[in-house]
Amino acid sequence: MPRVPAITSAADVAPPHRAVADAVTRVFGSIGGKRDPSGLPDDEREVMTYARQLMRTNRPDPALFEALAQRHGAEWMVELTATVHYFALVAGVANAFDIAPPAGGDTLPA
């Protein structure tokens, strides 16, 4: 079964970056549970779609990228993109070495 390390609580993130951490924490929870994004608020659904596009095709839809960039700014987009790829890097290393999540930690469905 694929495993994913627990995501650090958004509360532990410095205030300027907390909004990105909050959104990413909720979005990755939905992605990990393979949930349908239609029940998420519009902004979180767009973040989830952006993250999925990055992981599946390595390219976001230009219109989606522009909408998020207009709403949040360039710095936020850099932080979001880096966070998505950082999570993928950590999860990939954990999976390669079959590192189990901590007791009670999140696991991805098979």
N, C-alpha and C. Protein backbone atom coordinates (compact mmCIF):
# COMPACT_ATOMS: atom_id res chain seq x y z
N MET A 1 0.84 -1.17 0.00
CA MET A 1 0.00 0.00 0.00
C MET A 1 0.89 1.24 0.00
N PRO A 2 0.61 2.23 -0.88
CA PRO A 2 1.40 3.45 -0.85
C PRO A 2 1.25 4.15 0.50
N ARG A 3 2.31 4.77 0.93
CA ARG A 3 2.27 5.46 2.22
C ARG A 3 2.67 6.91 2.04
N VAL A 4 2.16 7.73 2.90
CA VAL A 4 2.50 9.15 2.86
C VAL A 4 2.82 9.63 4.27
N PRO A 5 3.92 10.35 4.43
CA PRO A 5 4.21 10.87 5.76
C PRO A 5 3.17 11.91 6.16
N ALA A 6 2.95 12.07 7.44
CA ALA A 6 1.99 13.06 7.92
C ALA A 6 2.45 14.45 7.54
N ILE A 7 1.50 15.31 7.19
CA ILE A 7 1.80 16.69 6.85
C ILE A 7 1.87 17.48 8.15
N THR A 8 2.86 18.34 8.27
CA THR A 8 2.99 19.19 9.44
C THR A 8 1.76 20.07 9.54
N SER A 9 1.29 20.30 10.74
CA SER A 9 0.13 21.15 10.96
C SER A 9 0.40 22.54 10.41
N ALA A 10 -0.60 23.11 9.75
CA ALA A 10 -0.46 24.46 9.21
C ALA A 10 -0.20 25.46 10.33
N ALA A 11 -0.63 25.14 11.54
CA ALA A 11 -0.42 26.05 12.67
C ALA A 11 1.07 26.21 12.98
N ASP A 12 1.90 25.26 12.56
CA ASP A 12 3.33 25.33 12.82
C ASP A 12 4.09 26.16 11.79
N VAL A 13 3.38 26.62 10.78
CA VAL A 13 4.00 27.36 9.69
C VAL A 13 3.98 28.86 10.02
N ALA A 14 5.03 29.57 9.61
CA ALA A 14 5.11 31.01 9.86
C ALA A 14 3.89 31.72 9.26
N PRO A 15 3.37 32.74 9.94
CA PRO A 15 2.15 33.41 9.49
C PRO A 15 2.10 33.82 8.02
N PRO A 16 3.19 34.37 7.42
CA PRO A 16 3.06 34.76 6.01
C PRO A 16 2.77 33.59 5.08
N HIS A 17 3.12 32.38 5.51
CA HIS A 17 2.95 31.20 4.65
C HIS A 17 1.78 30.33 5.10
N ARG A 18 1.11 30.72 6.15
CA ARG A 18 0.06 29.89 6.73
C ARG A 18 -1.10 29.66 5.77
N ALA A 19 -1.50 30.65 4.99
CA ALA A 19 -2.62 30.49 4.07
C ALA A 19 -2.33 29.39 3.05
N VAL A 20 -1.11 29.38 2.52
CA VAL A 20 -0.74 28.32 1.57
C VAL A 20 -0.74 26.98 2.28
N ALA A 21 -0.17 26.92 3.48
CA ALA A 21 -0.11 25.66 4.23
C ALA A 21 -1.51 25.15 4.56
N ASP A 22 -2.41 26.05 4.96
CA ASP A 22 -3.79 25.64 5.26
C ASP A 22 -4.44 25.02 4.03
N ALA A 23 -4.33 25.71 2.90
CA ALA A 23 -4.96 25.22 1.67
C ALA A 23 -4.36 23.90 1.23
N VAL A 24 -3.04 23.81 1.26
CA VAL A 24 -2.38 22.58 0.82
C VAL A 24 -2.71 21.42 1.74
N THR A 25 -2.78 21.66 3.04
CA THR A 25 -3.14 20.60 3.99
C THR A 25 -4.53 20.04 3.68
N ARG A 26 -5.49 20.92 3.46
CA ARG A 26 -6.85 20.46 3.14
C ARG A 26 -6.90 19.77 1.78
N VAL A 27 -6.22 20.34 0.80
CA VAL A 27 -6.24 19.78 -0.55
C VAL A 27 -5.57 18.41 -0.58
N PHE A 28 -4.40 18.26 0.05
CA PHE A 28 -3.74 16.96 0.04
C PHE A 28 -4.54 15.92 0.81
N GLY A 29 -5.26 16.34 1.83
CA GLY A 29 -6.17 15.42 2.51
C GLY A 29 -7.23 14.90 1.56
N SER A 30 -7.74 15.77 0.71
CA SER A 30 -8.74 15.36 -0.28
C SER A 30 -8.13 14.50 -1.37
N ILE A 31 -6.93 14.86 -1.82
CA ILE A 31 -6.25 14.07 -2.85
C ILE A 31 -5.93 12.68 -2.30
N GLY A 32 -5.38 12.63 -1.09
CA GLY A 32 -5.02 11.35 -0.49
C GLY A 32 -6.21 10.44 -0.31
N GLY A 33 -7.36 11.02 -0.03
CA GLY A 33 -8.57 10.23 0.12
C GLY A 33 -9.28 9.99 -1.20
N LYS A 34 -8.67 10.46 -2.29
CA LYS A 34 -9.25 10.33 -3.63
C LYS A 34 -10.67 10.87 -3.67
N ARG A 35 -10.90 11.96 -2.94
CA ARG A 35 -12.23 12.56 -2.89
C ARG A 35 -12.53 13.37 -4.14
N ASP A 36 -13.79 13.47 -4.44
CA ASP A 36 -14.27 14.31 -5.52
C ASP A 36 -14.12 15.77 -5.07
N PRO A 37 -13.44 16.60 -5.85
CA PRO A 37 -13.23 17.98 -5.41
C PRO A 37 -14.46 18.87 -5.51
N SER A 38 -15.56 18.38 -6.09
CA SER A 38 -16.71 19.25 -6.31
C SER A 38 -17.32 19.79 -5.02
N GLY A 39 -17.09 19.13 -3.88
CA GLY A 39 -17.63 19.62 -2.62
C GLY A 39 -16.77 20.66 -1.94
N LEU A 40 -15.58 20.91 -2.47
CA LEU A 40 -14.68 21.90 -1.88
C LEU A 40 -15.09 23.31 -2.30
N PRO A 41 -14.75 24.32 -1.49
CA PRO A 41 -14.94 25.71 -1.94
C PRO A 41 -14.17 25.93 -3.24
N ASP A 42 -14.62 26.88 -4.04
CA ASP A 42 -14.03 27.12 -5.37
C ASP A 42 -12.50 27.25 -5.32
N ASP A 43 -11.98 28.04 -4.39
CA ASP A 43 -10.54 28.27 -4.35
C ASP A 43 -9.78 26.98 -4.04
N GLU A 44 -10.28 26.20 -3.09
CA GLU A 44 -9.61 24.95 -2.75
C GLU A 44 -9.73 23.94 -3.89
N ARG A 45 -10.86 23.94 -4.58
CA ARG A 45 -11.03 23.03 -5.72
C ARG A 45 -10.01 23.39 -6.81
N GLU A 46 -9.79 24.70 -7.02
CA GLU A 46 -8.80 25.12 -8.02
C GLU A 46 -7.39 24.71 -7.61
N VAL A 47 -7.07 24.82 -6.31
CA VAL A 47 -5.75 24.40 -5.83
C VAL A 47 -5.60 22.90 -6.03
N MET A 48 -6.65 22.13 -5.73
CA MET A 48 -6.59 20.68 -5.90
C MET A 48 -6.40 20.32 -7.38
N THR A 49 -7.13 20.99 -8.24
CA THR A 49 -7.00 20.75 -9.68
C THR A 49 -5.59 21.09 -10.15
N TYR A 50 -5.06 22.21 -9.67
CA TYR A 50 -3.70 22.63 -10.02
C TYR A 50 -2.69 21.57 -9.58
N ALA A 51 -2.81 21.11 -8.33
CA ALA A 51 -1.88 20.09 -7.82
C ALA A 51 -1.98 18.80 -8.63
N ARG A 52 -3.19 18.38 -8.94
CA ARG A 52 -3.36 17.16 -9.74
C ARG A 52 -2.76 17.32 -11.12
N GLN A 53 -2.96 18.48 -11.75
CA GLN A 53 -2.39 18.70 -13.08
C GLN A 53 -0.86 18.65 -13.03
N LEU A 54 -0.28 19.26 -12.00
CA LEU A 54 1.18 19.21 -11.87
C LEU A 54 1.68 17.78 -11.74
N MET A 55 1.01 16.99 -10.94
CA MET A 55 1.45 15.61 -10.70
C MET A 55 1.19 14.71 -11.90
N ARG A 56 0.14 14.96 -12.63
CA ARG A 56 -0.22 14.08 -13.75
C ARG A 56 0.47 14.46 -15.05
N THR A 57 0.63 15.76 -15.31
CA THR A 57 1.13 16.18 -16.62
C THR A 57 2.34 17.11 -16.54
N ASN A 58 2.73 17.51 -15.33
CA ASN A 58 3.82 18.46 -15.11
C ASN A 58 3.54 19.85 -15.67
N ARG A 59 2.31 20.10 -16.07
CA ARG A 59 1.92 21.40 -16.61
C ARG A 59 0.49 21.72 -16.15
N PRO A 60 0.31 22.90 -15.54
CA PRO A 60 -1.05 23.30 -15.22
C PRO A 60 -1.73 23.91 -16.44
N ASP A 61 -3.03 23.88 -16.43
CA ASP A 61 -3.81 24.57 -17.45
C ASP A 61 -3.49 26.06 -17.36
N PRO A 62 -3.13 26.71 -18.47
CA PRO A 62 -2.76 28.13 -18.41
C PRO A 62 -3.86 29.03 -17.81
N ALA A 63 -5.10 28.75 -18.12
CA ALA A 63 -6.20 29.58 -17.59
C ALA A 63 -6.31 29.41 -16.07
N LEU A 64 -6.14 28.20 -15.58
CA LEU A 64 -6.19 27.95 -14.14
C LEU A 64 -5.01 28.63 -13.46
N PHE A 65 -3.82 28.49 -14.03
CA PHE A 65 -2.64 29.15 -13.47
C PHE A 65 -2.87 30.65 -13.37
N GLU A 66 -3.36 31.24 -14.44
CA GLU A 66 -3.58 32.69 -14.46
C GLU A 66 -4.63 33.11 -13.44
N ALA A 67 -5.70 32.35 -13.31
CA ALA A 67 -6.75 32.68 -12.33
C ALA A 67 -6.19 32.67 -10.91
N LEU A 68 -5.41 31.63 -10.58
CA LEU A 68 -4.81 31.55 -9.24
C LEU A 68 -3.79 32.67 -9.03
N ALA A 69 -2.98 32.94 -10.04
CA ALA A 69 -1.96 33.99 -9.93
C ALA A 69 -2.60 35.36 -9.76
N GLN A 70 -3.68 35.62 -10.48
CA GLN A 70 -4.36 36.91 -10.35
C GLN A 70 -4.96 37.07 -8.96
N ARG A 71 -5.50 35.99 -8.42
CA ARG A 71 -6.15 36.03 -7.10
C ARG A 71 -5.14 36.13 -5.97
N HIS A 72 -4.01 35.41 -6.08
CA HIS A 72 -3.09 35.28 -4.95
C HIS A 72 -1.73 35.93 -5.14
N GLY A 73 -1.31 36.17 -6.35
CA GLY A 73 -0.01 36.78 -6.60
C GLY A 73 1.07 35.77 -6.93
N ALA A 74 2.17 36.29 -7.46
CA ALA A 74 3.27 35.44 -7.93
C ALA A 74 3.95 34.69 -6.79
N GLU A 75 4.19 35.37 -5.66
CA GLU A 75 4.88 34.71 -4.55
C GLU A 75 4.06 33.51 -4.04
N TRP A 76 2.76 33.67 -3.94
CA TRP A 76 1.88 32.59 -3.48
C TRP A 76 1.96 31.41 -4.45
N MET A 77 1.99 31.72 -5.76
CA MET A 77 2.06 30.65 -6.76
C MET A 77 3.37 29.88 -6.66
N VAL A 78 4.46 30.60 -6.42
CA VAL A 78 5.75 29.92 -6.25
C VAL A 78 5.70 29.02 -5.03
N GLU A 79 5.15 29.53 -3.91
CA GLU A 79 5.06 28.74 -2.69
C GLU A 79 4.16 27.52 -2.88
N LEU A 80 3.03 27.71 -3.54
CA LEU A 80 2.12 26.58 -3.78
C LEU A 80 2.80 25.53 -4.64
N THR A 81 3.40 25.94 -5.74
CA THR A 81 4.05 25.00 -6.65
C THR A 81 5.19 24.26 -5.95
N ALA A 82 5.99 24.99 -5.20
CA ALA A 82 7.09 24.35 -4.46
C ALA A 82 6.56 23.38 -3.41
N THR A 83 5.47 23.74 -2.74
CA THR A 83 4.89 22.86 -1.71
C THR A 83 4.35 21.58 -2.33
N VAL A 84 3.68 21.70 -3.45
CA VAL A 84 3.16 20.51 -4.14
C VAL A 84 4.31 19.57 -4.51
N HIS A 85 5.37 20.13 -5.08
CA HIS A 85 6.49 19.29 -5.49
C HIS A 85 7.31 18.79 -4.30
N TYR A 86 7.39 19.56 -3.25
CA TYR A 86 8.08 19.10 -2.04
C TYR A 86 7.35 17.89 -1.45
N PHE A 87 6.03 17.98 -1.39
CA PHE A 87 5.25 16.86 -0.88
C PHE A 87 5.49 15.61 -1.74
N ALA A 88 5.50 15.79 -3.06
CA ALA A 88 5.75 14.66 -3.95
C ALA A 88 7.13 14.07 -3.73
N LEU A 89 8.13 14.94 -3.52
CA LEU A 89 9.50 14.46 -3.26
C LEU A 89 9.55 13.64 -1.98
N VAL A 90 9.00 14.17 -0.90
CA VAL A 90 9.03 13.47 0.38
C VAL A 90 8.25 12.15 0.29
N ALA A 91 7.09 12.18 -0.33
CA ALA A 91 6.29 10.96 -0.47
C ALA A 91 7.02 9.93 -1.33
N GLY A 92 7.70 10.40 -2.40
CA GLY A 92 8.43 9.48 -3.26
C GLY A 92 9.58 8.79 -2.53
N VAL A 93 10.32 9.54 -1.74
CA VAL A 93 11.42 8.95 -0.97
C VAL A 93 10.86 7.98 0.07
N ALA A 94 9.80 8.38 0.77
CA ALA A 94 9.20 7.50 1.78
C ALA A 94 8.70 6.21 1.14
N ASN A 95 8.10 6.31 -0.03
CA ASN A 95 7.60 5.12 -0.71
C ASN A 95 8.75 4.23 -1.19
N ALA A 96 9.81 4.83 -1.73
CA ALA A 96 10.94 4.05 -2.24
C ALA A 96 11.60 3.23 -1.14
N PHE A 97 11.66 3.80 0.06
CA PHE A 97 12.28 3.10 1.17
C PHE A 97 11.27 2.41 2.07
N ASP A 98 10.03 2.38 1.61
CA ASP A 98 8.94 1.72 2.34
C ASP A 98 8.88 2.18 3.79
N ILE A 99 8.98 3.50 3.98
CA ILE A 99 8.91 4.09 5.31
C ILE A 99 7.44 4.16 5.72
N ALA A 100 7.13 3.55 6.82
CA ALA A 100 5.76 3.55 7.31
C ALA A 100 5.43 4.89 7.96
N PRO A 101 4.19 5.32 7.82
CA PRO A 101 3.81 6.55 8.52
C PRO A 101 3.82 6.30 10.03
N PRO A 102 3.86 7.37 10.81
CA PRO A 102 3.83 7.18 12.26
C PRO A 102 2.53 6.52 12.69
N ALA A 103 2.53 5.93 13.85
CA ALA A 103 1.31 5.28 14.37
C ALA A 103 0.16 6.27 14.29
N GLY A 104 -0.91 5.85 13.70
CA GLY A 104 -2.08 6.71 13.54
C GLY A 104 -1.96 7.69 12.39
N GLY A 105 -0.84 7.65 11.64
CA GLY A 105 -0.63 8.56 10.52
C GLY A 105 -1.48 8.20 9.33
N ASP A 106 -1.54 9.11 8.39
CA ASP A 106 -2.35 8.92 7.19
C ASP A 106 -1.68 7.92 6.24
N THR A 107 -2.49 7.11 5.59
CA THR A 107 -2.03 6.25 4.52
C THR A 107 -2.93 6.51 3.31
N LEU A 108 -2.37 6.33 2.13
CA LEU A 108 -3.16 6.49 0.92
C LEU A 108 -3.86 5.17 0.59
N PRO A 109 -5.05 5.26 -0.01
CA PRO A 109 -5.71 4.02 -0.43
C PRO A 109 -4.89 3.31 -1.49
N ALA A 110 -4.98 2.02 -1.54
CA ALA A 110 -4.23 1.24 -2.53
C ALA A 110 -4.77 1.44 -3.91
